């Protein structure tokens, strides 16, 4: 996790869902559905915003 809640991941499909855990308590987890945008450059890095619920 980044300083501002960013999550850095690799090898992801174009769309799906993630279970995010940052502790063992139920209040320390959430699920986020995502669809990655098309890549805009050749860096290999795709940035996307999503809300974890």
PDB file of N, CA and C in Angstrom:
ATOM      1  N   UNK A   1       0.848  -1.177   0.000  1.00  0.00           N
ATOM      2  CA  UNK A   1       0.000   0.000   0.000  1.00  0.00           C
ATOM      3  C   UNK A   1       0.889   1.234   0.000  1.00  0.00           C
ATOM      4  N   UNK A   2       0.462   2.223  -0.776  1.00  0.00           N
ATOM      5  CA  UNK A   2       1.176   3.481  -0.819  1.00  0.00           C
ATOM      6  C   UNK A   2       0.735   4.401   0.308  1.00  0.00           C
ATOM      7  N   UNK A   3       1.414   5.532   0.427  1.00  0.00           N
ATOM      8  CA  UNK A   3       1.133   6.481   1.506  1.00  0.00           C
ATOM      9  C   UNK A   3      -0.304   6.999   1.489  1.00  0.00           C
ATOM     10  N   UNK A   4      -0.867   7.159   0.312  1.00  0.00           N
ATOM     11  CA  UNK A   4      -2.219   7.710   0.192  1.00  0.00           C
ATOM     12  C   UNK A   4      -3.245   6.650  -0.175  1.00  0.00           C
ATOM     13  N   UNK A   5      -2.974   5.390   0.179  1.00  0.00           N
ATOM     14  CA  UNK A   5      -3.914   4.313  -0.089  1.00  0.00           C
ATOM     15  C   UNK A   5      -3.763   3.676  -1.456  1.00  0.00           C
ATOM     16  N   UNK A   6      -2.658   3.985  -2.158  1.00  0.00           N
ATOM     17  CA  UNK A   6      -2.441   3.362  -3.461  1.00  0.00           C
ATOM     18  C   UNK A   6      -2.051   1.908  -3.275  1.00  0.00           C
ATOM     19  N   UNK A   7      -2.440   1.122  -4.237  1.00  0.00           N
ATOM     20  CA  UNK A   7      -2.100  -0.296  -4.249  1.00  0.00           C
ATOM     21  C   UNK A   7      -1.335  -0.564  -5.531  1.00  0.00           C
ATOM     22  N   UNK A   8      -0.154  -1.154  -5.409  1.00  0.00           N
ATOM     23  CA  UNK A   8       0.678  -1.461  -6.567  1.00  0.00           C
ATOM     24  C   UNK A   8       0.628  -2.963  -6.807  1.00  0.00           C
ATOM     25  N   UNK A   9       0.137  -3.377  -7.968  1.00  0.00           N
ATOM     26  CA  UNK A   9      -0.013  -4.797  -8.271  1.00  0.00           C
ATOM     27  C   UNK A   9       0.440  -5.062  -9.705  1.00  0.00           C
ATOM     28  N   UNK A  10       0.705  -6.310 -10.001  1.00  0.00           N
ATOM     29  CA  UNK A  10       1.086  -6.674 -11.368  1.00  0.00           C
ATOM     30  C   UNK A  10       0.429  -7.989 -11.748  1.00  0.00           C
ATOM     31  N   UNK A  11       0.402  -8.255 -13.048  1.00  0.00           N
ATOM     32  CA  UNK A  11      -0.145  -9.506 -13.546  1.00  0.00           C
ATOM     33  C   UNK A  11      -1.650  -9.611 -13.435  1.00  0.00           C
ATOM     34  N   UNK A  12      -2.335  -8.485 -13.475  1.00  0.00           N
ATOM     35  CA  UNK A  12      -3.786  -8.481 -13.295  1.00  0.00           C
ATOM     36  C   UNK A  12      -4.513  -8.626 -14.626  1.00  0.00           C
ATOM     37  N   UNK A  13      -5.699  -9.260 -14.614  1.00  0.00           N
ATOM     38  CA  UNK A  13      -6.526  -9.304 -15.820  1.00  0.00           C
ATOM     39  C   UNK A  13      -7.114  -7.919 -16.094  1.00  0.00           C
ATOM     40  N   UNK A  14      -7.745  -7.741 -17.235  1.00  0.00           N
ATOM     41  CA  UNK A  14      -8.315  -6.439 -17.591  1.00  0.00           C
ATOM     42  C   UNK A  14      -9.443  -6.009 -16.661  1.00  0.00           C
ATOM     43  N   UNK A  15     -10.175  -6.981 -16.111  1.00  0.00           N
ATOM     44  CA  UNK A  15     -11.208  -6.626 -15.137  1.00  0.00           C
ATOM     45  C   UNK A  15     -11.386  -7.773 -14.160  1.00  0.00           C
ATOM     46  N   UNK A  16     -11.929  -7.438 -12.996  1.00  0.00           N
ATOM     47  CA  UNK A  16     -12.132  -8.442 -11.967  1.00  0.00           C
ATOM     48  C   UNK A  16     -12.403  -7.784 -10.631  1.00  0.00           C
ATOM     49  N   UNK A  17     -12.063  -8.468  -9.558  1.00  0.00           N
ATOM     50  CA  UNK A  17     -12.268  -7.943  -8.208  1.00  0.00           C
ATOM     51  C   UNK A  17     -11.097  -8.376  -7.334  1.00  0.00           C
ATOM     52  N   UNK A  18     -10.779  -7.551  -6.358  1.00  0.00           N
ATOM     53  CA  UNK A  18      -9.706  -7.837  -5.410  1.00  0.00           C
ATOM     54  C   UNK A  18     -10.246  -7.788  -3.994  1.00  0.00           C
ATOM     55  N   UNK A  19      -9.761  -8.669  -3.153  1.00  0.00           N
ATOM     56  CA  UNK A  19     -10.006  -8.599  -1.716  1.00  0.00           C
ATOM     57  C   UNK A  19      -8.748  -7.979  -1.123  1.00  0.00           C
ATOM     58  N   UNK A  20      -8.869  -6.834  -0.470  1.00  0.00           N
ATOM     59  CA  UNK A  20      -7.726  -6.116   0.091  1.00  0.00           C
ATOM     60  C   UNK A  20      -7.762  -6.253   1.604  1.00  0.00           C
ATOM     61  N   UNK A  21      -6.670  -6.753   2.193  1.00  0.00           N
ATOM     62  CA  UNK A  21      -6.549  -6.904   3.648  1.00  0.00           C
ATOM     63  C   UNK A  21      -5.313  -6.156   4.112  1.00  0.00           C
ATOM     64  N   UNK A  22      -5.431  -5.361   5.168  1.00  0.00           N
ATOM     65  CA  UNK A  22      -4.277  -4.678   5.735  1.00  0.00           C
ATOM     66  C   UNK A  22      -4.159  -4.975   7.226  1.00  0.00           C
ATOM     67  N   UNK A  23      -4.889  -5.977   7.659  1.00  0.00           N
ATOM     68  CA  UNK A  23      -4.861  -6.448   9.037  1.00  0.00           C
ATOM     69  C   UNK A  23      -5.721  -7.691   9.141  1.00  0.00           C
ATOM     70  N   UNK A  24      -5.859  -8.226  10.350  1.00  0.00           N
ATOM     71  CA  UNK A  24      -6.630  -9.455  10.545  1.00  0.00           C
ATOM     72  C   UNK A  24      -8.088  -9.195  10.895  1.00  0.00           C
ATOM     73  N   UNK A  25      -8.401  -7.995  11.363  1.00  0.00           N
ATOM     74  CA  UNK A  25      -9.759  -7.643  11.766  1.00  0.00           C
ATOM     75  C   UNK A  25     -10.654  -7.450  10.536  1.00  0.00           C
ATOM     76  N   UNK A  26     -11.931  -7.767  10.656  1.00  0.00           N
ATOM     77  CA  UNK A  26     -12.863  -7.606   9.541  1.00  0.00           C
ATOM     78  C   UNK A  26     -12.957  -6.155   9.086  1.00  0.00           C
ATOM     79  N   UNK A  27     -12.744  -5.211  10.000  1.00  0.00           N
ATOM     80  CA  UNK A  27     -12.768  -3.793   9.644  1.00  0.00           C
ATOM     81  C   UNK A  27     -11.522  -3.384   8.863  1.00  0.00           C
ATOM     82  N   UNK A  28     -10.570  -4.286   8.733  1.00  0.00           N
ATOM     83  CA  UNK A  28      -9.326  -4.000   8.021  1.00  0.00           C
ATOM     84  C   UNK A  28      -9.270  -4.757   6.696  1.00  0.00           C
ATOM     85  N   UNK A  29     -10.396  -4.801   6.019  1.00  0.00           N
ATOM     86  CA  UNK A  29     -10.454  -5.434   4.706  1.00  0.00           C
ATOM     87  C   UNK A  29     -11.596  -4.839   3.899  1.00  0.00           C
ATOM     88  N   UNK A  30     -11.478  -4.944   2.603  1.00  0.00           N
ATOM     89  CA  UNK A  30     -12.540  -4.485   1.716  1.00  0.00           C
ATOM     90  C   UNK A  30     -12.379  -5.182   0.371  1.00  0.00           C
ATOM     91  N   UNK A  31     -13.352  -4.975  -0.486  1.00  0.00           N
ATOM     92  CA  UNK A  31     -13.348  -5.592  -1.814  1.00  0.00           C
ATOM     93  C   UNK A  31     -13.481  -4.473  -2.838  1.00  0.00           C
ATOM     94  N   UNK A  32     -12.740  -4.590  -3.902  1.00  0.00           N
ATOM     95  CA  UNK A  32     -12.795  -3.575  -4.956  1.00  0.00           C
ATOM     96  C   UNK A  32     -12.953  -4.256  -6.312  1.00  0.00           C
ATOM     97  N   UNK A  33     -13.965  -3.821  -7.051  1.00  0.00           N
ATOM     98  CA  UNK A  33     -14.149  -4.276  -8.433  1.00  0.00           C
ATOM     99  C   UNK A  33     -13.384  -3.298  -9.323  1.00  0.00           C
ATOM    100  N   UNK A  34     -12.770  -3.802 -10.380  1.00  0.00           N
ATOM    101  CA  UNK A  34     -11.981  -2.922 -11.238  1.00  0.00           C
ATOM    102  C   UNK A  34     -12.120  -3.310 -12.706  1.00  0.00           C
ATOM    103  N   UNK A  35     -11.929  -2.326 -13.547  1.00  0.00           N
ATOM    104  CA  UNK A  35     -11.753  -2.494 -14.986  1.00  0.00           C
ATOM    105  C   UNK A  35     -10.606  -1.572 -15.355  1.00  0.00           C
ATOM    106  N   UNK A  36      -9.526  -2.135 -15.857  1.00  0.00           N
ATOM    107  CA  UNK A  36      -8.362  -1.327 -16.188  1.00  0.00           C
ATOM    108  C   UNK A  36      -8.606  -0.530 -17.464  1.00  0.00           C
ATOM    109  N   UNK A  37      -8.158   0.739 -17.472  1.00  0.00           N
ATOM    110  CA  UNK A  37      -8.272   1.529 -18.703  1.00  0.00           C
ATOM    111  C   UNK A  37      -7.229   1.057 -19.715  1.00  0.00           C
ATOM    112  N   UNK A  38      -7.397   1.443 -20.965  1.00  0.00           N
ATOM    113  CA  UNK A  38      -6.399   1.105 -21.971  1.00  0.00           C
ATOM    114  C   UNK A  38      -5.098   1.815 -21.648  1.00  0.00           C
ATOM    115  N   UNK A  39      -3.989   1.149 -21.919  1.00  0.00           N
ATOM    116  CA  UNK A  39      -2.672   1.724 -21.651  1.00  0.00           C
ATOM    117  C   UNK A  39      -2.434   2.888 -22.603  1.00  0.00           C
ATOM    118  N   UNK A  40      -1.974   4.018 -22.062  1.00  0.00           N
ATOM    119  CA  UNK A  40      -1.792   5.230 -22.852  1.00  0.00           C
ATOM    120  C   UNK A  40      -0.362   5.418 -23.364  1.00  0.00           C
ATOM    121  N   UNK A  41       0.592   4.687 -22.823  1.00  0.00           N
ATOM    122  CA  UNK A  41       1.986   4.860 -23.227  1.00  0.00           C
ATOM    123  C   UNK A  41       2.693   3.510 -23.221  1.00  0.00           C
ATOM    124  N   UNK A  42       3.995   3.522 -23.400  1.00  0.00           N
ATOM    125  CA  UNK A  42       4.767   2.280 -23.474  1.00  0.00           C
ATOM    126  C   UNK A  42       5.513   1.958 -22.185  1.00  0.00           C
ATOM    127  N   UNK A  43       5.139   2.561 -21.074  1.00  0.00           N
ATOM    128  CA  UNK A  43       5.863   2.338 -19.822  1.00  0.00           C
ATOM    129  C   UNK A  43       5.547   0.992 -19.190  1.00  0.00           C
ATOM    130  N   UNK A  44       4.419   0.389 -19.556  1.00  0.00           N
ATOM    131  CA  UNK A  44       3.998  -0.853 -18.920  1.00  0.00           C
ATOM    132  C   UNK A  44       3.230  -0.622 -17.634  1.00  0.00           C
ATOM    133  N   UNK A  45       3.040   0.649 -17.269  1.00  0.00           N
ATOM    134  CA  UNK A  45       2.318   1.005 -16.046  1.00  0.00           C
ATOM    135  C   UNK A  45       0.949   1.550 -16.429  1.00  0.00           C
ATOM    136  N   UNK A  46      -0.086   1.007 -15.811  1.00  0.00           N
ATOM    137  CA  UNK A  46      -1.451   1.488 -16.030  1.00  0.00           C
ATOM    138  C   UNK A  46      -1.971   1.984 -14.692  1.00  0.00           C
ATOM    139  N   UNK A  47      -2.490   3.199 -14.672  1.00  0.00           N
ATOM    140  CA  UNK A  47      -3.043   3.754 -13.441  1.00  0.00           C
ATOM    141  C   UNK A  47      -4.560   3.720 -13.523  1.00  0.00           C
ATOM    142  N   UNK A  48      -5.193   3.326 -12.425  1.00  0.00           N
ATOM    143  CA  UNK A  48      -6.651   3.270 -12.369  1.00  0.00           C
ATOM    144  C   UNK A  48      -7.100   3.658 -10.969  1.00  0.00           C
ATOM    145  N   UNK A  49      -8.261   4.259 -10.870  1.00  0.00           N
ATOM    146  CA  UNK A  49      -8.860   4.597  -9.586  1.00  0.00           C
ATOM    147  C   UNK A  49     -10.015   3.649  -9.320  1.00  0.00           C
ATOM    148  N   UNK A  50     -10.150   3.239  -8.071  1.00  0.00           N
ATOM    149  CA  UNK A  50     -11.246   2.365  -7.674  1.00  0.00           C
ATOM    150  C   UNK A  50     -11.555   2.624  -6.206  1.00  0.00           C
ATOM    151  N   UNK A  51     -12.776   2.332  -5.808  1.00  0.00           N
ATOM    152  CA  UNK A  51     -13.193   2.515  -4.420  1.00  0.00           C
ATOM    153  C   UNK A  51     -13.314   1.149  -3.770  1.00  0.00           C
ATOM    154  N   UNK A  52     -12.669   1.006  -2.639  1.00  0.00           N
ATOM    155  CA  UNK A  52     -12.699  -0.241  -1.882  1.00  0.00           C
ATOM    156  C   UNK A  52     -13.876  -0.181  -0.914  1.00  0.00           C
ATOM    157  N   UNK A  53     -14.771  -1.171  -0.991  1.00  0.00           N
ATOM    158  CA  UNK A  53     -15.976  -1.184  -0.138  1.00  0.00           C
ATOM    159  C   UNK A  53     -16.029  -2.438   0.697  1.00  0.00           C
TER     160      UNK A  53
END
